[in-house]
């Protein structure tokens, strides 16, 4: 398990993970069986994702942890954000035209 922890900590270097690193961290954790160590890693990644406003990653982490309420809340928040982004594009295109 030490190599697993080293790999995970490498991904989290300095406490911040860039967008592609979030994807890599999730993909890595998905290969592991759930244990107390993996659960701690999912929780750590969830906290970092929330702090870095990576709500899709946080949603996935809370789903893996079995926290349905947080996962569902983040899913709905992500849907609202995506809809708002689409509306902003429409407004911008109407303004430019």
C-alpha atoms as a PDB file:
ATOM      1  CA  UNK A   1       0.000   0.000   0.000  1.00  0.00           C
ATOM      2  CA  UNK A   2       2.984   2.359   0.424  1.00  0.00           C
ATOM      3  CA  UNK A   3       3.376   2.711  -3.360  1.00  0.00           C
ATOM      4  CA  UNK A   4      -0.313   3.603  -3.607  1.00  0.00           C
ATOM      5  CA  UNK A   5       0.083   6.360  -1.040  1.00  0.00           C
ATOM      6  CA  UNK A   6       3.243   7.663  -2.737  1.00  0.00           C
ATOM      7  CA  UNK A   7       1.474   7.769  -6.110  1.00  0.00           C
ATOM      8  CA  UNK A   8      -1.510   9.566  -4.631  1.00  0.00           C
ATOM      9  CA  UNK A   9       0.627  12.100  -2.765  1.00  0.00           C
ATOM     10  CA  UNK A  10       2.614  12.737  -5.942  1.00  0.00           C
ATOM     11  CA  UNK A  11      -0.628  13.682  -7.675  1.00  0.00           C
ATOM     12  CA  UNK A  12      -1.492  16.068  -4.812  1.00  0.00           C
ATOM     13  CA  UNK A  13       1.881  17.829  -4.701  1.00  0.00           C
ATOM     14  CA  UNK A  14       1.725  21.046  -2.640  1.00  0.00           C
ATOM     15  CA  UNK A  15      -1.984  20.536  -1.909  1.00  0.00           C
ATOM     16  CA  UNK A  16      -3.238  21.696  -5.313  1.00  0.00           C
ATOM     17  CA  UNK A  17      -4.032  19.658  -8.371  1.00  0.00           C
ATOM     18  CA  UNK A  18      -4.433  21.152 -11.818  1.00  0.00           C
ATOM     19  CA  UNK A  19      -7.496  20.133 -13.830  1.00  0.00           C
ATOM     20  CA  UNK A  20      -5.848  17.204 -15.625  1.00  0.00           C
ATOM     21  CA  UNK A  21      -4.361  16.026 -12.365  1.00  0.00           C
ATOM     22  CA  UNK A  22      -7.881  15.810 -10.908  1.00  0.00           C
ATOM     23  CA  UNK A  23      -8.838  13.487 -13.735  1.00  0.00           C
ATOM     24  CA  UNK A  24      -5.701  11.432 -13.131  1.00  0.00           C
ATOM     25  CA  UNK A  25      -6.344  11.227  -9.389  1.00  0.00           C
ATOM     26  CA  UNK A  26      -9.941  10.054  -9.888  1.00  0.00           C
ATOM     27  CA  UNK A  27      -8.886   7.511 -12.509  1.00  0.00           C
ATOM     28  CA  UNK A  28      -6.208   6.214 -10.150  1.00  0.00           C
ATOM     29  CA  UNK A  29      -8.525   5.938  -7.142  1.00  0.00           C
ATOM     30  CA  UNK A  30     -11.146   4.131  -9.208  1.00  0.00           C
ATOM     31  CA  UNK A  31      -8.671   1.276  -9.724  1.00  0.00           C
ATOM     32  CA  UNK A  32      -8.364   0.660  -5.977  1.00  0.00           C
ATOM     33  CA  UNK A  33     -10.590  -1.396  -3.727  1.00  0.00           C
ATOM     34  CA  UNK A  34     -12.235   0.619  -0.983  1.00  0.00           C
ATOM     35  CA  UNK A  35     -10.298   0.474   2.272  1.00  0.00           C
ATOM     36  CA  UNK A  36      -9.736   2.953   5.064  1.00  0.00           C
ATOM     37  CA  UNK A  37      -6.683   4.289   3.197  1.00  0.00           C
ATOM     38  CA  UNK A  38      -8.549   4.679  -0.110  1.00  0.00           C
ATOM     39  CA  UNK A  39     -11.483   6.270   1.670  1.00  0.00           C
ATOM     40  CA  UNK A  40      -9.098   8.826   3.194  1.00  0.00           C
ATOM     41  CA  UNK A  41      -7.661   9.512  -0.256  1.00  0.00           C
ATOM     42  CA  UNK A  42     -11.160  10.019  -1.757  1.00  0.00           C
ATOM     43  CA  UNK A  43     -11.980  12.384   1.131  1.00  0.00           C
ATOM     44  CA  UNK A  44      -8.737  14.288   0.683  1.00  0.00           C
ATOM     45  CA  UNK A  45      -9.333  14.652  -3.046  1.00  0.00           C
ATOM     46  CA  UNK A  46     -12.923  15.779  -2.388  1.00  0.00           C
ATOM     47  CA  UNK A  47     -11.699  18.521  -0.054  1.00  0.00           C
ATOM     48  CA  UNK A  48      -9.031  19.699  -2.471  1.00  0.00           C
ATOM     49  CA  UNK A  49     -11.512  19.637  -5.364  1.00  0.00           C
ATOM     50  CA  UNK A  50     -14.003  21.741  -3.407  1.00  0.00           C
ATOM     51  CA  UNK A  51     -11.302  24.246  -2.437  1.00  0.00           C
ATOM     52  CA  UNK A  52     -10.240  24.494  -6.088  1.00  0.00           C
ATOM     53  CA  UNK A  53     -13.859  24.767  -7.364  1.00  0.00           C
ATOM     54  CA  UNK A  54     -13.598  21.462  -9.246  1.00  0.00           C
ATOM     55  CA  UNK A  55     -17.200  20.540  -8.553  1.00  0.00           C
ATOM     56  CA  UNK A  56     -17.422  17.630 -11.009  1.00  0.00           C
ATOM     57  CA  UNK A  57     -14.464  15.978  -9.303  1.00  0.00           C
ATOM     58  CA  UNK A  58     -15.921  16.648  -5.853  1.00  0.00           C
ATOM     59  CA  UNK A  59     -19.229  15.141  -7.003  1.00  0.00           C
ATOM     60  CA  UNK A  60     -17.438  11.967  -8.117  1.00  0.00           C
ATOM     61  CA  UNK A  61     -15.484  11.760  -4.852  1.00  0.00           C
ATOM     62  CA  UNK A  62     -18.559  12.040  -2.657  1.00  0.00           C
ATOM     63  CA  UNK A  63     -20.313   9.424  -4.803  1.00  0.00           C
ATOM     64  CA  UNK A  64     -17.371   7.068  -4.245  1.00  0.00           C
ATOM     65  CA  UNK A  65     -17.586   7.754  -0.510  1.00  0.00           C
ATOM     66  CA  UNK A  66     -21.293   6.931  -0.537  1.00  0.00           C
ATOM     67  CA  UNK A  67     -22.292  10.461   0.469  1.00  0.00           C
ATOM     68  CA  UNK A  68     -25.411  10.629  -1.684  1.00  0.00           C
ATOM     69  CA  UNK A  69     -26.595  13.985  -0.334  1.00  0.00           C
ATOM     70  CA  UNK A  70     -23.379  15.855  -1.185  1.00  0.00           C
ATOM     71  CA  UNK A  71     -22.980  14.081  -4.496  1.00  0.00           C
ATOM     72  CA  UNK A  72     -26.551  14.892  -5.520  1.00  0.00           C
ATOM     73  CA  UNK A  73     -26.227  18.513  -4.375  1.00  0.00           C
ATOM     74  CA  UNK A  74     -23.046  18.943  -6.393  1.00  0.00           C
ATOM     75  CA  UNK A  75     -24.651  17.231  -9.390  1.00  0.00           C
ATOM     76  CA  UNK A  76     -27.544  19.705  -9.301  1.00  0.00           C
ATOM     77  CA  UNK A  77     -25.116  22.601  -8.815  1.00  0.00           C
ATOM     78  CA  UNK A  78     -23.092  21.431 -11.822  1.00  0.00           C
ATOM     79  CA  UNK A  79     -26.265  21.259 -13.927  1.00  0.00           C
ATOM     80  CA  UNK A  80     -27.229  24.811 -12.923  1.00  0.00           C
ATOM     81  CA  UNK A  81     -23.710  26.057 -13.738  1.00  0.00           C
ATOM     82  CA  UNK A  82     -23.754  24.360 -17.144  1.00  0.00           C
ATOM     83  CA  UNK A  83     -27.157  25.864 -17.959  1.00  0.00           C
ATOM     84  CA  UNK A  84     -25.964  29.319 -16.865  1.00  0.00           C
ATOM     85  CA  UNK A  85     -22.880  28.974 -19.073  1.00  0.00           C
ATOM     86  CA  UNK A  86     -25.070  28.080 -22.070  1.00  0.00           C
ATOM     87  CA  UNK A  87     -27.269  31.111 -21.390  1.00  0.00           C
ATOM     88  CA  UNK A  88     -24.226  33.378 -21.157  1.00  0.00           C
ATOM     89  CA  UNK A  89     -23.057  32.164 -24.566  1.00  0.00           C
ATOM     90  CA  UNK A  90     -26.506  32.867 -26.029  1.00  0.00           C
ATOM     91  CA  UNK A  91     -26.544  36.357 -24.506  1.00  0.00           C
ATOM     92  CA  UNK A  92     -23.062  37.063 -25.822  1.00  0.00           C
ATOM     93  CA  UNK A  93     -23.948  35.820 -29.314  1.00  0.00           C
ATOM     94  CA  UNK A  94     -27.103  37.960 -29.342  1.00  0.00           C
ATOM     95  CA  UNK A  95     -25.100  40.991 -28.193  1.00  0.00           C
ATOM     96  CA  UNK A  96     -22.417  40.487 -30.852  1.00  0.00           C
ATOM     97  CA  UNK A  97     -24.931  39.954 -33.670  1.00  0.00           C
END
